[in-house]
N, C-alpha and C. Protein backbone atom coordinates (compact mmCIF):
# COMPACT_ATOMS: atom_id res chain seq x y z
N MET A 1 50.64 51.19 -93.96
CA MET A 1 50.93 52.56 -93.62
C MET A 1 52.07 53.04 -94.52
N GLU A 2 51.91 54.22 -95.09
CA GLU A 2 52.92 54.75 -96.00
C GLU A 2 54.13 55.26 -95.22
N GLN A 3 55.27 55.30 -95.91
CA GLN A 3 56.53 55.67 -95.26
C GLN A 3 56.45 57.06 -94.62
N GLU A 4 55.85 58.01 -95.31
CA GLU A 4 55.76 59.37 -94.75
C GLU A 4 54.97 59.38 -93.45
N GLU A 5 53.91 58.61 -93.42
CA GLU A 5 53.10 58.52 -92.20
C GLU A 5 53.88 57.82 -91.09
N LEU A 6 54.63 56.78 -91.45
CA LEU A 6 55.45 56.09 -90.46
C LEU A 6 56.49 57.03 -89.86
N LEU A 7 57.12 57.82 -90.72
CA LEU A 7 58.20 58.70 -90.25
C LEU A 7 57.70 59.77 -89.29
N ARG A 8 56.41 60.08 -89.30
CA ARG A 8 55.86 61.04 -88.33
C ARG A 8 55.90 60.50 -86.91
N ARG A 9 56.07 59.20 -86.77
CA ARG A 9 56.17 58.58 -85.45
C ARG A 9 57.55 58.81 -84.82
N ILE A 10 58.52 59.22 -85.63
CA ILE A 10 59.88 59.46 -85.14
C ILE A 10 60.01 60.94 -84.80
N THR A 11 60.44 61.20 -83.58
CA THR A 11 60.54 62.58 -83.12
C THR A 11 61.94 62.83 -82.56
N ALA A 12 62.30 64.09 -82.50
CA ALA A 12 63.55 64.51 -81.88
C ALA A 12 63.26 65.74 -81.04
N ASP A 13 63.54 65.63 -79.77
CA ASP A 13 63.29 66.72 -78.82
C ASP A 13 64.54 66.86 -77.97
N PRO A 14 65.12 68.07 -77.92
CA PRO A 14 66.35 68.24 -77.13
C PRO A 14 66.19 67.87 -75.66
N ASN A 15 64.96 67.82 -75.17
CA ASN A 15 64.71 67.48 -73.77
C ASN A 15 64.50 65.98 -73.55
N VAL A 16 64.51 65.21 -74.63
CA VAL A 16 64.33 63.76 -74.53
C VAL A 16 65.54 63.08 -75.17
N LEU A 17 66.29 62.35 -74.38
CA LEU A 17 67.49 61.64 -74.84
C LEU A 17 68.44 62.54 -75.63
N VAL A 18 68.60 63.75 -75.16
CA VAL A 18 69.53 64.73 -75.73
C VAL A 18 69.27 64.97 -77.22
N GLY A 19 68.02 64.89 -77.62
CA GLY A 19 67.66 65.20 -79.00
C GLY A 19 67.81 64.05 -79.99
N LYS A 20 68.15 62.86 -79.51
CA LYS A 20 68.25 61.71 -80.42
C LYS A 20 66.88 61.38 -80.97
N ALA A 21 66.86 60.73 -82.12
CA ALA A 21 65.60 60.31 -82.71
C ALA A 21 64.95 59.25 -81.81
N THR A 22 63.71 59.50 -81.45
CA THR A 22 62.98 58.58 -80.58
C THR A 22 61.64 58.21 -81.19
N VAL A 23 61.03 57.22 -80.61
CA VAL A 23 59.71 56.78 -81.04
C VAL A 23 58.65 57.58 -80.29
N ARG A 24 57.91 58.39 -81.01
CA ARG A 24 56.78 59.16 -80.47
C ARG A 24 57.10 59.91 -79.18
N GLY A 25 58.34 60.39 -79.06
CA GLY A 25 58.71 61.16 -77.88
C GLY A 25 58.96 60.32 -76.64
N LEU A 26 58.86 59.01 -76.77
CA LEU A 26 59.15 58.13 -75.65
C LEU A 26 60.67 58.09 -75.44
N ARG A 27 61.08 57.56 -74.35
CA ARG A 27 62.52 57.43 -74.10
C ARG A 27 63.04 56.12 -74.69
N ILE A 28 62.60 55.85 -75.90
CA ILE A 28 63.06 54.68 -76.66
C ILE A 28 63.63 55.23 -77.96
N SER A 29 64.94 55.08 -78.14
CA SER A 29 65.56 55.66 -79.33
C SER A 29 65.42 54.72 -80.53
N VAL A 30 65.47 55.33 -81.69
CA VAL A 30 65.47 54.57 -82.94
C VAL A 30 66.68 53.64 -82.95
N ALA A 31 67.83 54.15 -82.53
CA ALA A 31 69.04 53.34 -82.51
C ALA A 31 68.87 52.11 -81.62
N GLN A 32 68.22 52.27 -80.50
CA GLN A 32 67.99 51.16 -79.57
C GLN A 32 67.18 50.06 -80.26
N ILE A 33 66.14 50.44 -80.96
CA ILE A 33 65.29 49.47 -81.65
C ILE A 33 66.05 48.80 -82.79
N LEU A 34 66.76 49.60 -83.60
CA LEU A 34 67.50 49.03 -84.72
C LEU A 34 68.62 48.12 -84.24
N ASN A 35 69.32 48.49 -83.18
CA ASN A 35 70.36 47.64 -82.63
C ASN A 35 69.80 46.32 -82.12
N ALA A 36 68.65 46.38 -81.48
CA ALA A 36 68.01 45.16 -80.98
C ALA A 36 67.64 44.24 -82.14
N LEU A 37 67.04 44.80 -83.18
CA LEU A 37 66.68 44.00 -84.34
C LEU A 37 67.92 43.40 -85.01
N ALA A 38 68.98 44.20 -85.13
CA ALA A 38 70.22 43.73 -85.74
C ALA A 38 70.86 42.61 -84.92
N SER A 39 70.61 42.61 -83.62
CA SER A 39 71.17 41.60 -82.73
C SER A 39 70.33 40.33 -82.68
N GLY A 40 69.22 40.33 -83.42
CA GLY A 40 68.39 39.14 -83.48
C GLY A 40 67.18 39.14 -82.58
N VAL A 41 66.96 40.24 -81.86
CA VAL A 41 65.75 40.33 -81.05
C VAL A 41 64.56 40.38 -82.00
N THR A 42 63.56 39.60 -81.72
CA THR A 42 62.39 39.56 -82.60
C THR A 42 61.47 40.74 -82.34
N VAL A 43 60.66 41.04 -83.32
CA VAL A 43 59.66 42.09 -83.18
C VAL A 43 58.73 41.76 -82.02
N GLU A 44 58.35 40.50 -81.93
CA GLU A 44 57.45 40.08 -80.86
C GLU A 44 58.07 40.32 -79.49
N ALA A 45 59.37 40.03 -79.36
CA ALA A 45 60.05 40.26 -78.08
C ALA A 45 60.13 41.74 -77.76
N LEU A 46 60.40 42.58 -78.76
CA LEU A 46 60.43 44.03 -78.53
C LEU A 46 59.07 44.53 -78.05
N LEU A 47 58.02 44.07 -78.69
CA LEU A 47 56.68 44.52 -78.30
C LEU A 47 56.33 44.05 -76.89
N LYS A 48 56.84 42.89 -76.50
CA LYS A 48 56.60 42.39 -75.15
C LYS A 48 57.42 43.18 -74.13
N ASP A 49 58.69 43.45 -74.47
CA ASP A 49 59.58 44.16 -73.55
C ASP A 49 59.22 45.64 -73.40
N TYR A 50 58.64 46.21 -74.44
CA TYR A 50 58.25 47.62 -74.43
C TYR A 50 56.76 47.72 -74.76
N PRO A 51 55.90 47.52 -73.79
CA PRO A 51 54.45 47.48 -74.06
C PRO A 51 53.89 48.78 -74.64
N GLU A 52 54.62 49.88 -74.48
CA GLU A 52 54.15 51.14 -75.04
C GLU A 52 54.41 51.23 -76.55
N LEU A 53 55.24 50.34 -77.09
CA LEU A 53 55.52 50.31 -78.52
C LEU A 53 54.38 49.65 -79.28
N GLU A 54 54.20 50.11 -80.50
CA GLU A 54 53.25 49.50 -81.43
C GLU A 54 54.04 48.97 -82.62
N LEU A 55 53.49 48.01 -83.31
CA LEU A 55 54.16 47.43 -84.47
C LEU A 55 54.57 48.51 -85.46
N GLU A 56 53.72 49.50 -85.66
CA GLU A 56 54.03 50.60 -86.59
C GLU A 56 55.25 51.39 -86.13
N ASP A 57 55.50 51.45 -84.83
CA ASP A 57 56.68 52.15 -84.32
C ASP A 57 57.96 51.45 -84.78
N ILE A 58 57.95 50.14 -84.75
CA ILE A 58 59.11 49.38 -85.20
C ILE A 58 59.29 49.57 -86.69
N HIS A 59 58.20 49.53 -87.44
CA HIS A 59 58.29 49.79 -88.88
C HIS A 59 58.81 51.20 -89.13
N ALA A 60 58.41 52.15 -88.30
CA ALA A 60 58.89 53.53 -88.44
C ALA A 60 60.40 53.62 -88.22
N CYS A 61 60.91 52.88 -87.25
CA CYS A 61 62.36 52.88 -87.00
C CYS A 61 63.11 52.35 -88.20
N ILE A 62 62.60 51.29 -88.79
CA ILE A 62 63.24 50.71 -89.98
C ILE A 62 63.17 51.70 -91.14
N ALA A 63 62.03 52.34 -91.31
CA ALA A 63 61.87 53.33 -92.39
C ALA A 63 62.81 54.51 -92.17
N TYR A 64 62.98 54.94 -90.93
CA TYR A 64 63.88 56.05 -90.61
C TYR A 64 65.32 55.67 -90.97
N GLY A 65 65.74 54.48 -90.57
CA GLY A 65 67.07 54.02 -90.91
C GLY A 65 67.28 53.93 -92.42
N ALA A 66 66.28 53.44 -93.12
CA ALA A 66 66.36 53.35 -94.58
C ALA A 66 66.45 54.73 -95.21
N ALA A 67 65.70 55.68 -94.68
CA ALA A 67 65.73 57.05 -95.22
C ALA A 67 67.11 57.68 -95.02
N LEU A 68 67.74 57.43 -93.89
CA LEU A 68 69.08 57.97 -93.64
C LEU A 68 70.10 57.35 -94.60
N VAL A 69 70.02 56.06 -94.80
CA VAL A 69 70.95 55.39 -95.70
C VAL A 69 70.74 55.87 -97.14
N ALA A 70 69.50 56.11 -97.50
CA ALA A 70 69.20 56.58 -98.86
C ALA A 70 69.82 57.94 -99.13
N GLN A 71 70.06 58.74 -98.08
CA GLN A 71 70.65 60.07 -98.25
C GLN A 71 72.17 60.04 -98.27
N GLU A 72 72.76 58.89 -97.98
CA GLU A 72 74.22 58.79 -97.96
C GLU A 72 74.80 59.11 -99.32
N ARG A 73 75.95 59.73 -99.27
CA ARG A 73 76.70 59.99 -100.50
C ARG A 73 77.98 59.19 -100.41
N VAL A 74 78.28 58.50 -101.48
CA VAL A 74 79.49 57.70 -101.53
C VAL A 74 80.41 58.32 -102.58
N TYR A 75 81.60 58.63 -102.14
CA TYR A 75 82.58 59.25 -103.02
C TYR A 75 83.68 58.23 -103.33
N PRO A 76 83.95 58.02 -104.59
CA PRO A 76 85.01 57.08 -104.93
C PRO A 76 86.36 57.60 -104.45
N VAL A 77 87.17 56.69 -104.01
CA VAL A 77 88.52 57.03 -103.55
C VAL A 77 89.47 56.81 -104.72
N ALA A 78 90.24 57.82 -104.99
CA ALA A 78 91.20 57.71 -106.10
C ALA A 78 92.31 56.73 -105.73
N ALA A 79 92.68 55.92 -106.69
CA ALA A 79 93.76 54.96 -106.46
C ALA A 79 95.08 55.71 -106.28
N ALA A 80 95.88 55.24 -105.38
CA ALA A 80 97.16 55.90 -105.12
C ALA A 80 98.22 55.53 -106.11
């Protein structure tokens, strides 16, 4: 699945989790999934714990995080 197609799985609705990025409008935030993965939770465990999730949803969360990081701007700090 291409990144653009994956990113369509990420939604933001002010009526769901105060507008945070979520997976397909579910009450599962992108941050929740990324934090779980960063903490060592396996993809298999996430899919078991959240039966409404699909493998592509997890890939979409990772793609969303990567897209945000790619937009970061880093400004050099002048030496004092």
